[in-house]
Amino acid sequence: MIGDVGSTARTSAAATAAPAPGGKMGKDEFLKLLVAQLKNQDPMNPSNGQEMAAQLAQFSSLEQLTQIGKTMETQGSYLQGVIGSLAASGAQGAIGKPVLAYGNHVYVPADGTGSVKFTVGGGGGAATLRILDDAGQVISSRPLGTLTAGDHEADLGDLSAGMKAGWYSYAVDVVDPAGKAVSTTTYTAATIEGLRYTPEGPLLLAGELTIPYEALVEIGR
Protein backbone atom coordinates (compact mmCIF):
# COMPACT_ATOMS: atom_id res chain seq x y z
CA MET A 1 0.00 0.00 0.00
CA ILE A 2 1.11 3.63 -0.62
CA GLY A 3 0.85 4.42 3.08
CA ASP A 4 3.58 1.87 3.82
CA VAL A 5 6.20 3.38 1.48
CA GLY A 6 7.40 5.95 3.99
CA SER A 7 7.58 3.36 6.71
CA THR A 8 9.64 1.11 4.44
CA ALA A 9 12.03 3.93 3.61
CA ARG A 10 12.55 4.75 7.28
CA THR A 11 13.17 1.10 8.03
CA SER A 12 15.76 0.88 5.24
CA ALA A 13 17.53 4.02 6.50
CA ALA A 14 17.65 2.62 10.01
CA ALA A 15 19.03 -0.63 8.71
CA THR A 16 21.99 1.13 7.00
CA ALA A 17 22.86 3.16 10.09
CA ALA A 18 25.62 2.11 12.46
CA PRO A 19 24.62 -0.72 14.79
CA ALA A 20 23.50 0.32 18.24
CA PRO A 21 25.77 -0.39 21.22
CA GLY A 22 25.37 -3.96 22.33
CA GLY A 23 23.96 -4.93 18.94
CA LYS A 24 25.12 -7.69 16.61
CA MET A 25 28.80 -7.37 15.61
CA GLY A 26 29.70 -8.15 12.03
CA LYS A 27 33.04 -8.98 10.44
CA ASP A 28 33.95 -5.35 9.64
CA GLU A 29 33.11 -4.14 13.15
CA PHE A 30 35.18 -6.93 14.66
CA LEU A 31 38.24 -6.13 12.52
CA LYS A 32 37.95 -2.39 13.28
CA LEU A 33 37.76 -3.14 16.99
CA LEU A 34 40.79 -5.45 16.74
CA VAL A 35 42.87 -2.81 14.89
CA ALA A 36 41.88 -0.15 17.41
CA GLN A 37 42.85 -2.46 20.26
CA LEU A 38 46.29 -3.07 18.74
CA LYS A 39 46.88 0.64 18.05
CA ASN A 40 45.92 1.77 21.52
CA GLN A 41 47.44 -0.96 23.63
CA ASP A 42 50.04 -0.04 26.24
CA PRO A 43 53.52 -0.90 24.86
CA MET A 44 54.62 -1.71 28.41
CA ASN A 45 51.64 -4.01 28.90
CA PRO A 46 50.71 -5.50 25.51
CA SER A 47 47.54 -7.51 25.04
CA ASN A 48 47.65 -11.24 25.54
CA GLY A 49 48.47 -12.78 22.13
CA GLN A 50 46.90 -16.12 22.99
CA GLU A 51 43.68 -14.42 24.00
CA MET A 52 43.58 -12.50 20.72
CA ALA A 53 44.26 -15.67 18.75
CA ALA A 54 41.40 -17.41 20.55
CA GLN A 55 39.06 -14.51 19.73
CA LEU A 56 40.07 -14.66 16.06
CA ALA A 57 39.53 -18.43 15.99
CA GLN A 58 36.06 -18.04 17.52
CA PHE A 59 35.12 -15.37 15.00
CA SER A 60 36.43 -17.49 12.12
CA SER A 61 34.41 -20.49 13.32
CA LEU A 62 31.28 -18.35 13.67
CA GLU A 63 31.71 -16.99 10.14
CA GLN A 64 32.19 -20.50 8.75
CA LEU A 65 29.06 -21.72 10.53
CA THR A 66 27.11 -18.77 9.11
CA GLN A 67 28.27 -19.61 5.59
CA ILE A 68 27.41 -23.29 6.11
CA GLY A 69 23.93 -22.27 7.28
CA LYS A 70 23.39 -20.12 4.19
CA THR A 71 24.62 -22.94 1.94
CA MET A 72 22.29 -25.46 3.58
CA GLU A 73 19.37 -23.04 3.26
CA THR A 74 20.07 -22.66 -0.46
CA GLN A 75 20.42 -26.41 -0.92
CA GLY A 76 17.20 -26.96 1.03
CA SER A 77 15.30 -24.64 -1.29
CA TYR A 78 16.79 -26.39 -4.31
CA LEU A 79 15.89 -29.80 -2.87
CA GLN A 80 12.29 -28.70 -2.28
CA GLY A 81 12.13 -27.61 -5.91
CA VAL A 82 13.43 -30.99 -7.07
CA ILE A 83 10.92 -32.83 -4.87
CA GLY A 84 8.11 -30.66 -6.23
CA SER A 85 9.17 -31.40 -9.83
CA LEU A 86 9.34 -35.14 -9.14
CA ALA A 87 5.89 -35.07 -7.52
CA ALA A 88 4.42 -33.23 -10.49
CA SER A 89 6.00 -35.69 -12.92
CA GLY A 90 4.83 -38.69 -10.90
CA ALA A 91 1.31 -37.29 -10.62
CA GLN A 92 1.12 -36.85 -14.40
CA GLY A 93 2.21 -40.46 -14.83
CA ALA A 94 -0.68 -41.65 -12.65
CA ILE A 95 -3.39 -40.29 -14.97
CA GLY A 96 -5.42 -43.10 -16.46
CA LYS A 97 -3.99 -45.71 -14.08
CA PRO A 98 -5.38 -47.52 -11.05
CA VAL A 99 -3.81 -46.42 -7.78
CA LEU A 100 -3.89 -47.40 -4.12
CA ALA A 101 -3.62 -44.62 -1.55
CA TYR A 102 -3.96 -44.13 2.18
CA GLY A 103 -7.60 -43.28 2.81
CA ASN A 104 -11.01 -44.65 3.73
CA HIS A 105 -13.10 -44.30 0.58
CA VAL A 106 -14.66 -46.97 -1.59
CA TYR A 107 -16.45 -46.58 -4.90
CA VAL A 108 -19.73 -48.46 -5.29
CA PRO A 109 -20.60 -48.92 -8.98
CA ALA A 110 -24.14 -49.19 -10.36
CA ASP A 111 -24.09 -52.99 -10.14
CA GLY A 112 -23.29 -52.80 -6.41
CA THR A 113 -20.00 -54.67 -6.61
CA GLY A 114 -16.87 -53.38 -4.90
CA SER A 115 -14.24 -54.23 -2.35
CA VAL A 116 -12.01 -52.59 0.23
CA LYS A 117 -8.34 -53.14 1.08
CA PHE A 118 -6.88 -52.69 4.52
CA THR A 119 -4.06 -53.81 6.82
CA VAL A 120 -4.66 -55.28 10.26
CA GLY A 121 -2.06 -54.61 12.94
CA GLY A 122 -1.17 -56.27 16.22
CA GLY A 123 -2.08 -59.93 16.41
CA GLY A 124 -5.33 -59.59 14.46
CA GLY A 125 -8.80 -60.24 15.80
CA ALA A 126 -12.52 -60.16 15.03
CA ALA A 127 -13.25 -57.62 12.28
CA THR A 128 -16.34 -55.67 11.25
CA LEU A 129 -16.73 -53.68 8.03
CA ARG A 130 -18.89 -50.54 8.21
CA ILE A 131 -20.08 -48.32 5.33
CA LEU A 132 -20.68 -44.67 6.24
CA ASP A 133 -22.53 -41.77 4.65
CA ASP A 134 -21.27 -38.20 4.24
CA ALA A 135 -22.26 -37.39 7.82
CA GLY A 136 -20.28 -40.33 9.20
CA GLN A 137 -23.42 -42.32 10.04
CA VAL A 138 -23.36 -46.08 9.55
CA ILE A 139 -25.36 -47.17 6.49
CA SER A 140 -24.68 -50.87 6.85
CA SER A 141 -22.19 -53.23 8.40
CA ARG A 142 -21.26 -56.89 8.48
CA PRO A 143 -18.75 -59.06 10.34
CA LEU A 144 -15.66 -60.25 8.45
CA GLY A 145 -14.77 -63.00 10.90
CA THR A 146 -11.43 -63.37 12.65
CA LEU A 147 -8.57 -61.93 10.62
CA THR A 148 -4.84 -62.36 11.10
CA ALA A 149 -2.41 -59.45 11.10
CA GLY A 150 -1.45 -58.29 7.60
CA ASP A 151 -3.07 -57.18 4.34
CA HIS A 152 -6.65 -58.10 3.52
CA GLU A 153 -9.30 -57.42 0.87
CA ALA A 154 -13.02 -57.78 1.56
CA ASP A 155 -15.93 -57.65 -0.89
CA LEU A 156 -18.80 -55.34 -0.03
CA GLY A 157 -21.28 -58.11 -0.74
CA ASP A 158 -24.81 -57.29 0.36
CA LEU A 159 -23.61 -54.11 2.12
CA SER A 160 -24.01 -52.20 -1.14
CA ALA A 161 -27.58 -53.35 -1.75
CA GLY A 162 -29.77 -50.36 -2.54
CA MET A 163 -26.89 -47.89 -2.61
CA LYS A 164 -26.58 -45.29 -5.34
CA ALA A 165 -23.42 -45.40 -7.41
CA GLY A 166 -20.71 -43.16 -6.00
CA TRP A 167 -18.05 -42.75 -3.36
CA TYR A 168 -18.62 -43.75 0.26
CA SER A 169 -16.52 -43.83 3.41
CA TYR A 170 -15.80 -47.05 5.23
CA ALA A 171 -14.16 -48.29 8.41
CA VAL A 172 -12.83 -51.64 9.58
CA ASP A 173 -13.02 -52.24 13.32
CA VAL A 174 -10.90 -55.04 14.77
CA VAL A 175 -10.81 -56.23 18.39
CA ASP A 176 -8.50 -58.83 19.90
CA PRO A 177 -9.67 -61.73 22.11
CA ALA A 178 -9.39 -59.46 25.16
CA GLY A 179 -11.77 -56.95 23.60
CA LYS A 180 -9.11 -54.31 22.93
CA ALA A 181 -9.14 -52.37 19.68
CA VAL A 182 -6.52 -53.37 17.11
CA SER A 183 -5.04 -50.74 14.81
CA THR A 184 -5.97 -50.92 11.12
CA THR A 185 -4.81 -49.02 8.05
CA THR A 186 -7.39 -48.49 5.33
CA TYR A 187 -6.78 -47.69 1.66
CA THR A 188 -8.61 -46.04 -1.21
CA ALA A 189 -8.51 -47.73 -4.61
CA ALA A 190 -9.29 -45.53 -7.61
CA THR A 191 -8.54 -44.88 -11.26
CA ILE A 192 -7.05 -41.43 -11.78
CA GLU A 193 -8.89 -39.27 -14.32
CA GLY A 194 -7.22 -35.89 -13.89
CA LEU A 195 -4.80 -33.70 -11.99
CA ARG A 196 -4.99 -30.41 -10.10
CA TYR A 197 -1.99 -28.40 -8.94
CA THR A 198 -2.18 -26.64 -5.57
CA PRO A 199 0.36 -24.79 -3.36
CA GLU A 200 0.40 -27.88 -1.11
CA GLY A 201 1.22 -30.20 -4.02
CA PRO A 202 -0.60 -32.03 -6.82
CA LEU A 203 -4.03 -33.53 -6.23
CA LEU A 204 -5.14 -36.59 -8.20
CA LEU A 205 -8.76 -36.58 -9.36
CA ALA A 206 -10.99 -39.63 -9.42
CA GLY A 207 -14.49 -38.41 -10.18
CA GLU A 208 -15.56 -36.24 -7.24
CA LEU A 209 -12.76 -37.64 -5.07
CA THR A 210 -9.38 -35.91 -4.68
CA ILE A 211 -6.28 -37.78 -3.54
CA PRO A 212 -3.07 -36.02 -2.45
CA TYR A 213 -0.10 -37.32 -4.41
CA GLU A 214 1.86 -37.98 -1.22
CA ALA A 215 -0.91 -40.35 -0.06
CA LEU A 216 -0.19 -42.82 -2.87
CA VAL A 217 0.94 -46.30 -1.92
CA GLU A 218 1.22 -47.77 -5.40
CA ILE A 219 0.44 -47.00 -9.04
CA GLY A 220 -0.80 -49.81 -11.24
CA ARG A 221 -0.50 -50.30 -14.99
C-alpha atoms as a PDB file:
ATOM      1  CA  MET A   1       0.000   0.000   0.000  1.00  0.00           C
ATOM      2  CA  ILE A   2       1.113   3.631  -0.618  1.00  0.00           C
ATOM      3  CA  GLY A   3       0.855   4.420   3.081  1.00  0.00           C
ATOM      4  CA  ASP A   4       3.583   1.875   3.817  1.00  0.00           C
ATOM      5  CA  VAL A   5       6.201   3.379   1.477  1.00  0.00           C
ATOM      6  CA  GLY A   6       7.398   5.953   3.993  1.00  0.00           C
ATOM      7  CA  SER A   7       7.583   3.363   6.712  1.00  0.00           C
ATOM      8  CA  THR A   8       9.639   1.111   4.435  1.00  0.00           C
ATOM      9  CA  ALA A   9      12.030   3.934   3.609  1.00  0.00           C
ATOM     10  CA  ARG A  10      12.547   4.751   7.281  1.00  0.00           C
ATOM     11  CA  THR A  11      13.169   1.102   8.028  1.00  0.00           C
ATOM     12  CA  SER A  12      15.761   0.880   5.244  1.00  0.00           C
ATOM     13  CA  ALA A  13      17.535   4.023   6.500  1.00  0.00           C
ATOM     14  CA  ALA A  14      17.647   2.622  10.014  1.00  0.00           C
ATOM     15  CA  ALA A  15      19.031  -0.634   8.715  1.00  0.00           C
ATOM     16  CA  THR A  16      21.990   1.125   7.004  1.00  0.00           C
ATOM     17  CA  ALA A  17      22.865   3.162  10.086  1.00  0.00           C
ATOM     18  CA  ALA A  18      25.622   2.114  12.458  1.00  0.00           C
ATOM     19  CA  PRO A  19      24.622  -0.716  14.791  1.00  0.00           C
ATOM     20  CA  ALA A  20      23.497   0.325  18.240  1.00  0.00           C
ATOM     21  CA  PRO A  21      25.768  -0.390  21.217  1.00  0.00           C
ATOM     22  CA  GLY A  22      25.372  -3.960  22.332  1.00  0.00           C
ATOM     23  CA  GLY A  23      23.955  -4.926  18.937  1.00  0.00           C
ATOM     24  CA  LYS A  24      25.124  -7.688  16.609  1.00  0.00           C
ATOM     25  CA  MET A  25      28.802  -7.371  15.612  1.00  0.00           C
ATOM     26  CA  GLY A  26      29.699  -8.149  12.029  1.00  0.00           C
ATOM     27  CA  LYS A  27      33.042  -8.981  10.436  1.00  0.00           C
ATOM     28  CA  ASP A  28      33.951  -5.354   9.641  1.00  0.00           C
ATOM     29  CA  GLU A  29      33.114  -4.142  13.145  1.00  0.00           C
ATOM     30  CA  PHE A  30      35.182  -6.930  14.663  1.00  0.00           C
ATOM     31  CA  LEU A  31      38.242  -6.131  12.518  1.00  0.00           C
ATOM     32  CA  LYS A  32      37.954  -2.389  13.278  1.00  0.00           C
ATOM     33  CA  LEU A  33      37.761  -3.145  16.988  1.00  0.00           C
ATOM     34  CA  LEU A  34      40.785  -5.452  16.741  1.00  0.00           C
ATOM     35  CA  VAL A  35      42.873  -2.814  14.887  1.00  0.00           C
ATOM     36  CA  ALA A  36      41.879  -0.153  17.408  1.00  0.00           C
ATOM     37  CA  GLN A  37      42.848  -2.464  20.259  1.00  0.00           C
ATOM     38  CA  LEU A  38      46.285  -3.071  18.739  1.00  0.00           C
ATOM     39  CA  LYS A  39      46.879   0.645  18.046  1.00  0.00           C
ATOM     40  CA  ASN A  40      45.917   1.765  21.519  1.00  0.00           C
ATOM     41  CA  GLN A  41      47.444  -0.959  23.627  1.00  0.00           C
ATOM     42  CA  ASP A  42      50.035  -0.043  26.239  1.00  0.00           C
ATOM     43  CA  PRO A  43      53.525  -0.898  24.863  1.00  0.00           C
ATOM     44  CA  MET A  44      54.623  -1.708  28.412  1.00  0.00           C
ATOM     45  CA  ASN A  45      51.637  -4.013  28.898  1.00  0.00           C
ATOM     46  CA  PRO A  46      50.710  -5.505  25.512  1.00  0.00           C
ATOM     47  CA  SER A  47      47.542  -7.510  25.038  1.00  0.00           C
ATOM     48  CA  ASN A  48      47.654 -11.242  25.538  1.00  0.00           C
ATOM     49  CA  GLY A  49      48.472 -12.781  22.130  1.00  0.00           C
ATOM     50  CA  GLN A  50      46.903 -16.117  22.992  1.00  0.00           C
ATOM     51  CA  GLU A  51      43.677 -14.418  24.004  1.00  0.00           C
ATOM     52  CA  MET A  52      43.584 -12.500  20.722  1.00  0.00           C
ATOM     53  CA  ALA A  53      44.264 -15.669  18.749  1.00  0.00           C
ATOM     54  CA  ALA A  54      41.400 -17.406  20.546  1.00  0.00           C
ATOM     55  CA  GLN A  55      39.058 -14.513  19.727  1.00  0.00           C
ATOM     56  CA  LEU A  56      40.074 -14.664  16.057  1.00  0.00           C
ATOM     57  CA  ALA A  57      39.526 -18.434  15.987  1.00  0.00           C
ATOM     58  CA  GLN A  58      36.065 -18.037  17.520  1.00  0.00           C
ATOM     59  CA  PHE A  59      35.118 -15.369  15.003  1.00  0.00           C
ATOM     60  CA  SER A  60      36.426 -17.491  12.121  1.00  0.00           C
ATOM     61  CA  SER A  61      34.406 -20.487  13.325  1.00  0.00           C
ATOM     62  CA  LEU A  62      31.285 -18.349  13.665  1.00  0.00           C
ATOM     63  CA  GLU A  63      31.713 -16.989  10.141  1.00  0.00           C
ATOM     64  CA  GLN A  64      32.193 -20.501   8.747  1.00  0.00           C
ATOM     65  CA  LEU A  65      29.056 -21.718  10.528  1.00  0.00           C
ATOM     66  CA  THR A  66      27.115 -18.773   9.109  1.00  0.00           C
ATOM     67  CA  GLN A  67      28.275 -19.612   5.591  1.00  0.00           C
ATOM     68  CA  ILE A  68      27.406 -23.291   6.112  1.00  0.00           C
ATOM     69  CA  GLY A  69      23.927 -22.270   7.285  1.00  0.00           C
ATOM     70  CA  LYS A  70      23.393 -20.121   4.188  1.00  0.00           C
ATOM     71  CA  THR A  71      24.618 -22.940   1.942  1.00  0.00           C
ATOM     72  CA  MET A  72      22.292 -25.464   3.583  1.00  0.00           C
ATOM     73  CA  GLU A  73      19.368 -23.042   3.257  1.00  0.00           C
ATOM     74  CA  THR A  74      20.072 -22.656  -0.461  1.00  0.00           C
ATOM     75  CA  GLN A  75      20.423 -26.409  -0.921  1.00  0.00           C
ATOM     76  CA  GLY A  76      17.202 -26.964   1.031  1.00  0.00           C
ATOM     77  CA  SER A  77      15.302 -24.639  -1.293  1.00  0.00           C
ATOM     78  CA  TYR A  78      16.788 -26.394  -4.312  1.00  0.00           C
ATOM     79  CA  LEU A  79      15.886 -29.805  -2.872  1.00  0.00           C
ATOM     80  CA  GLN A  80      12.292 -28.700  -2.277  1.00  0.00           C
ATOM     81  CA  GLY A  81      12.133 -27.612  -5.906  1.00  0.00           C
ATOM     82  CA  VAL A  82      13.432 -30.985  -7.070  1.00  0.00           C
ATOM     83  CA  ILE A  83      10.923 -32.828  -4.870  1.00  0.00           C
ATOM     84  CA  GLY A  84       8.111 -30.663  -6.234  1.00  0.00           C
ATOM     85  CA  SER A  85       9.166 -31.399  -9.825  1.00  0.00           C
ATOM     86  CA  LEU A  86       9.339 -35.138  -9.141  1.00  0.00           C
ATOM     87  CA  ALA A  87       5.894 -35.075  -7.518  1.00  0.00           C
ATOM     88  CA  ALA A  88       4.421 -33.228 -10.493  1.00  0.00           C
ATOM     89  CA  SER A  89       6.001 -35.692 -12.916  1.00  0.00           C
ATOM     90  CA  GLY A  90       4.829 -38.690 -10.902  1.00  0.00           C
ATOM     91  CA  ALA A  91       1.309 -37.288 -10.621  1.00  0.00           C
ATOM     92  CA  GLN A  92       1.118 -36.853 -14.403  1.00  0.00           C
ATOM     93  CA  GLY A  93       2.211 -40.456 -14.825  1.00  0.00           C
ATOM     94  CA  ALA A  94      -0.679 -41.649 -12.649  1.00  0.00           C
ATOM     95  CA  ILE A  95      -3.393 -40.289 -14.965  1.00  0.00           C
ATOM     96  CA  GLY A  96      -5.425 -43.104 -16.461  1.00  0.00           C
ATOM     97  CA  LYS A  97      -3.986 -45.711 -14.084  1.00  0.00           C
ATOM     98  CA  PRO A  98      -5.384 -47.518 -11.051  1.00  0.00           C
ATOM     99  CA  VAL A  99      -3.812 -46.418  -7.775  1.00  0.00           C
ATOM    100  CA  LEU A 100      -3.889 -47.399  -4.120  1.00  0.00           C
ATOM    101  CA  ALA A 101      -3.618 -44.618  -1.550  1.00  0.00           C
ATOM    102  CA  TYR A 102      -3.959 -44.135   2.176  1.00  0.00           C
ATOM    103  CA  GLY A 103      -7.596 -43.278   2.807  1.00  0.00           C
ATOM    104  CA  ASN A 104     -11.009 -44.654   3.734  1.00  0.00           C
ATOM    105  CA  HIS A 105     -13.103 -44.295   0.584  1.00  0.00           C
ATOM    106  CA  VAL A 106     -14.655 -46.968  -1.589  1.00  0.00           C
ATOM    107  CA  TYR A 107     -16.449 -46.578  -4.904  1.00  0.00           C
ATOM    108  CA  VAL A 108     -19.728 -48.457  -5.287  1.00  0.00           C
ATOM    109  CA  PRO A 109     -20.597 -48.921  -8.981  1.00  0.00           C
ATOM    110  CA  ALA A 110     -24.135 -49.190 -10.364  1.00  0.00           C
ATOM    111  CA  ASP A 111     -24.090 -52.989 -10.139  1.00  0.00           C
ATOM    112  CA  GLY A 112     -23.291 -52.805  -6.414  1.00  0.00           C
ATOM    113  CA  THR A 113     -19.997 -54.671  -6.605  1.00  0.00           C
ATOM    114  CA  GLY A 114     -16.875 -53.382  -4.898  1.00  0.00           C
ATOM    115  CA  SER A 115     -14.238 -54.228  -2.350  1.00  0.00           C
ATOM    116  CA  VAL A 116     -12.007 -52.592   0.227  1.00  0.00           C
ATOM    117  CA  LYS A 117      -8.337 -53.138   1.080  1.00  0.00           C
ATOM    118  CA  PHE A 118      -6.878 -52.694   4.523  1.00  0.00           C
ATOM    119  CA  THR A 119      -4.063 -53.815   6.822  1.00  0.00           C
ATOM    120  CA  VAL A 120      -4.660 -55.283  10.261  1.00  0.00           C
ATOM    121  CA  GLY A 121      -2.063 -54.608  12.936  1.00  0.00           C
ATOM    122  CA  GLY A 122      -1.175 -56.269  16.219  1.00  0.00           C
ATOM    123  CA  GLY A 123      -2.081 -59.931  16.409  1.00  0.00           C
ATOM    124  CA  GLY A 124      -5.325 -59.591  14.459  1.00  0.00           C
ATOM    125  CA  GLY A 125      -8.798 -60.245  15.801  1.00  0.00           C
ATOM    126  CA  ALA A 126     -12.521 -60.159  15.029  1.00  0.00           C
ATOM    127  CA  ALA A 127     -13.250 -57.618  12.275  1.00  0.00           C
ATOM    128  CA  THR A 128     -16.336 -55.668  11.250  1.00  0.00           C
ATOM    129  CA  LEU A 129     -16.730 -53.676   8.029  1.00  0.00           C
ATOM    130  CA  ARG A 130     -18.891 -50.541   8.208  1.00  0.00           C
ATOM    131  CA  ILE A 131     -20.081 -48.321   5.333  1.00  0.00           C
ATOM    132  CA  LEU A 132     -20.683 -44.669   6.244  1.00  0.00           C
ATOM    133  CA  ASP A 133     -22.532 -41.773   4.653  1.00  0.00           C
ATOM    134  CA  ASP A 134     -21.270 -38.200   4.240  1.00  0.00           C
ATOM    135  CA  ALA A 135     -22.261 -37.391   7.824  1.00  0.00           C
ATOM    136  CA  GLY A 136     -20.280 -40.335   9.198  1.00  0.00           C
ATOM    137  CA  GLN A 137     -23.416 -42.320  10.039  1.00  0.00           C
ATOM    138  CA  VAL A 138     -23.359 -46.076   9.545  1.00  0.00           C
ATOM    139  CA  ILE A 139     -25.362 -47.174   6.494  1.00  0.00           C
ATOM    140  CA  SER A 140     -24.680 -50.868   6.845  1.00  0.00           C
ATOM    141  CA  SER A 141     -22.192 -53.232   8.401  1.00  0.00           C
ATOM    142  CA  ARG A 142     -21.258 -56.889   8.477  1.00  0.00           C
ATOM    143  CA  PRO A 143     -18.745 -59.060  10.340  1.00  0.00           C
ATOM    144  CA  LEU A 144     -15.660 -60.250   8.453  1.00  0.00           C
ATOM    145  CA  GLY A 145     -14.768 -63.000  10.903  1.00  0.00           C
ATOM    146  CA  THR A 146     -11.434 -63.370  12.654  1.00  0.00           C
ATOM    147  CA  LEU A 147      -8.565 -61.928  10.625  1.00  0.00           C
ATOM    148  CA  THR A 148      -4.840 -62.364  11.102  1.00  0.00           C
ATOM    149  CA  ALA A 149      -2.411 -59.452  11.101  1.00  0.00           C
ATOM    150  CA  GLY A 150      -1.450 -58.286   7.596  1.00  0.00           C
ATOM    151  CA  ASP A 151      -3.066 -57.184   4.338  1.00  0.00           C
ATOM    152  CA  HIS A 152      -6.654 -58.095   3.518  1.00  0.00           C
ATOM    153  CA  GLU A 153      -9.305 -57.422   0.865  1.00  0.00           C
ATOM    154  CA  ALA A 154     -13.020 -57.782   1.555  1.00  0.00           C
ATOM    155  CA  ASP A 155     -15.935 -57.646  -0.889  1.00  0.00           C
ATOM    156  CA  LEU A 156     -18.805 -55.339  -0.028  1.00  0.00           C
ATOM    157  CA  GLY A 157     -21.280 -58.108  -0.744  1.00  0.00           C
ATOM    158  CA  ASP A 158     -24.806 -57.287   0.365  1.00  0.00           C
ATOM    159  CA  LEU A 159     -23.609 -54.111   2.119  1.00  0.00           C
ATOM    160  CA  SER A 160     -24.013 -52.196  -1.136  1.00  0.00           C
ATOM    161  CA  ALA A 161     -27.576 -53.354  -1.750  1.00  0.00           C
ATOM    162  CA  GLY A 162     -29.773 -50.357  -2.543  1.00  0.00           C
ATOM    163  CA  MET A 163     -26.885 -47.891  -2.609  1.00  0.00           C
ATOM    164  CA  LYS A 164     -26.585 -45.287  -5.343  1.00  0.00           C
ATOM    165  CA  ALA A 165     -23.416 -45.399  -7.410  1.00  0.00           C
ATOM    166  CA  GLY A 166     -20.706 -43.164  -6.002  1.00  0.00           C
ATOM    167  CA  TRP A 167     -18.053 -42.753  -3.361  1.00  0.00           C
ATOM    168  CA  TYR A 168     -18.620 -43.748   0.259  1.00  0.00           C
ATOM    169  CA  SER A 169     -16.520 -43.832   3.409  1.00  0.00           C
ATOM    170  CA  TYR A 170     -15.798 -47.052   5.228  1.00  0.00           C
ATOM    171  CA  ALA A 171     -14.162 -48.293   8.408  1.00  0.00           C
ATOM    172  CA  VAL A 172     -12.833 -51.637   9.577  1.00  0.00           C
ATOM    173  CA  ASP A 173     -13.025 -52.239  13.317  1.00  0.00           C
ATOM    174  CA  VAL A 174     -10.896 -55.041  14.772  1.00  0.00           C
ATOM    175  CA  VAL A 175     -10.805 -56.226  18.389  1.00  0.00           C
ATOM    176  CA  ASP A 176      -8.503 -58.830  19.896  1.00  0.00           C
ATOM    177  CA  PRO A 177      -9.673 -61.728  22.107  1.00  0.00           C
ATOM    178  CA  ALA A 178      -9.386 -59.456  25.159  1.00  0.00           C
ATOM    179  CA  GLY A 179     -11.773 -56.946  23.602  1.00  0.00           C
ATOM    180  CA  LYS A 180      -9.109 -54.310  22.925  1.00  0.00           C
ATOM    181  CA  ALA A 181      -9.140 -52.369  19.678  1.00  0.00           C
ATOM    182  CA  VAL A 182      -6.516 -53.373  17.110  1.00  0.00           C
ATOM    183  CA  SER A 183      -5.036 -50.736  14.808  1.00  0.00           C
ATOM    184  CA  THR A 184      -5.973 -50.920  11.125  1.00  0.00           C
ATOM    185  CA  THR A 185      -4.809 -49.016   8.055  1.00  0.00           C
ATOM    186  CA  THR A 186      -7.393 -48.493   5.331  1.00  0.00           C
ATOM    187  CA  TYR A 187      -6.780 -47.686   1.659  1.00  0.00           C
ATOM    188  CA  THR A 188      -8.607 -46.039  -1.210  1.00  0.00           C
ATOM    189  CA  ALA A 189      -8.510 -47.728  -4.612  1.00  0.00           C
ATOM    190  CA  ALA A 190      -9.288 -45.527  -7.607  1.00  0.00           C
ATOM    191  CA  THR A 191      -8.536 -44.879 -11.263  1.00  0.00           C
ATOM    192  CA  ILE A 192      -7.053 -41.434 -11.776  1.00  0.00           C
ATOM    193  CA  GLU A 193      -8.885 -39.272 -14.321  1.00  0.00           C
ATOM    194  CA  GLY A 194      -7.217 -35.892 -13.891  1.00  0.00           C
ATOM    195  CA  LEU A 195      -4.799 -33.701 -11.993  1.00  0.00           C
ATOM    196  CA  ARG A 196      -4.991 -30.415 -10.102  1.00  0.00           C
ATOM    197  CA  TYR A 197      -1.988 -28.395  -8.936  1.00  0.00           C
ATOM    198  CA  THR A 198      -2.183 -26.635  -5.567  1.00  0.00           C
ATOM    199  CA  PRO A 199       0.355 -24.791  -3.356  1.00  0.00           C
ATOM    200  CA  GLU A 200       0.398 -27.877  -1.112  1.00  0.00           C
ATOM    201  CA  GLY A 201       1.221 -30.198  -4.020  1.00  0.00           C
ATOM    202  CA  PRO A 202      -0.599 -32.033  -6.825  1.00  0.00           C
ATOM    203  CA  LEU A 203      -4.034 -33.532  -6.229  1.00  0.00           C
ATOM    204  CA  LEU A 204      -5.143 -36.588  -8.201  1.00  0.00           C
ATOM    205  CA  LEU A 205      -8.761 -36.580  -9.363  1.00  0.00           C
ATOM    206  CA  ALA A 206     -10.993 -39.632  -9.422  1.00  0.00           C
ATOM    207  CA  GLY A 207     -14.492 -38.411 -10.181  1.00  0.00           C
ATOM    208  CA  GLU A 208     -15.564 -36.237  -7.242  1.00  0.00           C
ATOM    209  CA  LEU A 209     -12.762 -37.642  -5.069  1.00  0.00           C
ATOM    210  CA  THR A 210      -9.381 -35.906  -4.683  1.00  0.00           C
ATOM    211  CA  ILE A 211      -6.275 -37.785  -3.538  1.00  0.00           C
ATOM    212  CA  PRO A 212      -3.066 -36.017  -2.446  1.00  0.00           C
ATOM    213  CA  TYR A 213      -0.102 -37.320  -4.411  1.00  0.00           C
ATOM    214  CA  GLU A 214       1.859 -37.980  -1.216  1.00  0.00           C
ATOM    215  CA  ALA A 215      -0.914 -40.352  -0.058  1.00  0.00           C
ATOM    216  CA  LEU A 216      -0.192 -42.823  -2.872  1.00  0.00           C
ATOM    217  CA  VAL A 217       0.937 -46.305  -1.916  1.00  0.00           C
ATOM    218  CA  GLU A 218       1.224 -47.774  -5.403  1.00  0.00           C
ATOM    219  CA  ILE A 219       0.444 -46.998  -9.043  1.00  0.00           C
ATOM    220  CA  GLY A 220      -0.796 -49.809 -11.245  1.00  0.00           C
ATOM    221  CA  ARG A 221      -0.499 -50.300 -14.989  1.00  0.00           C
END
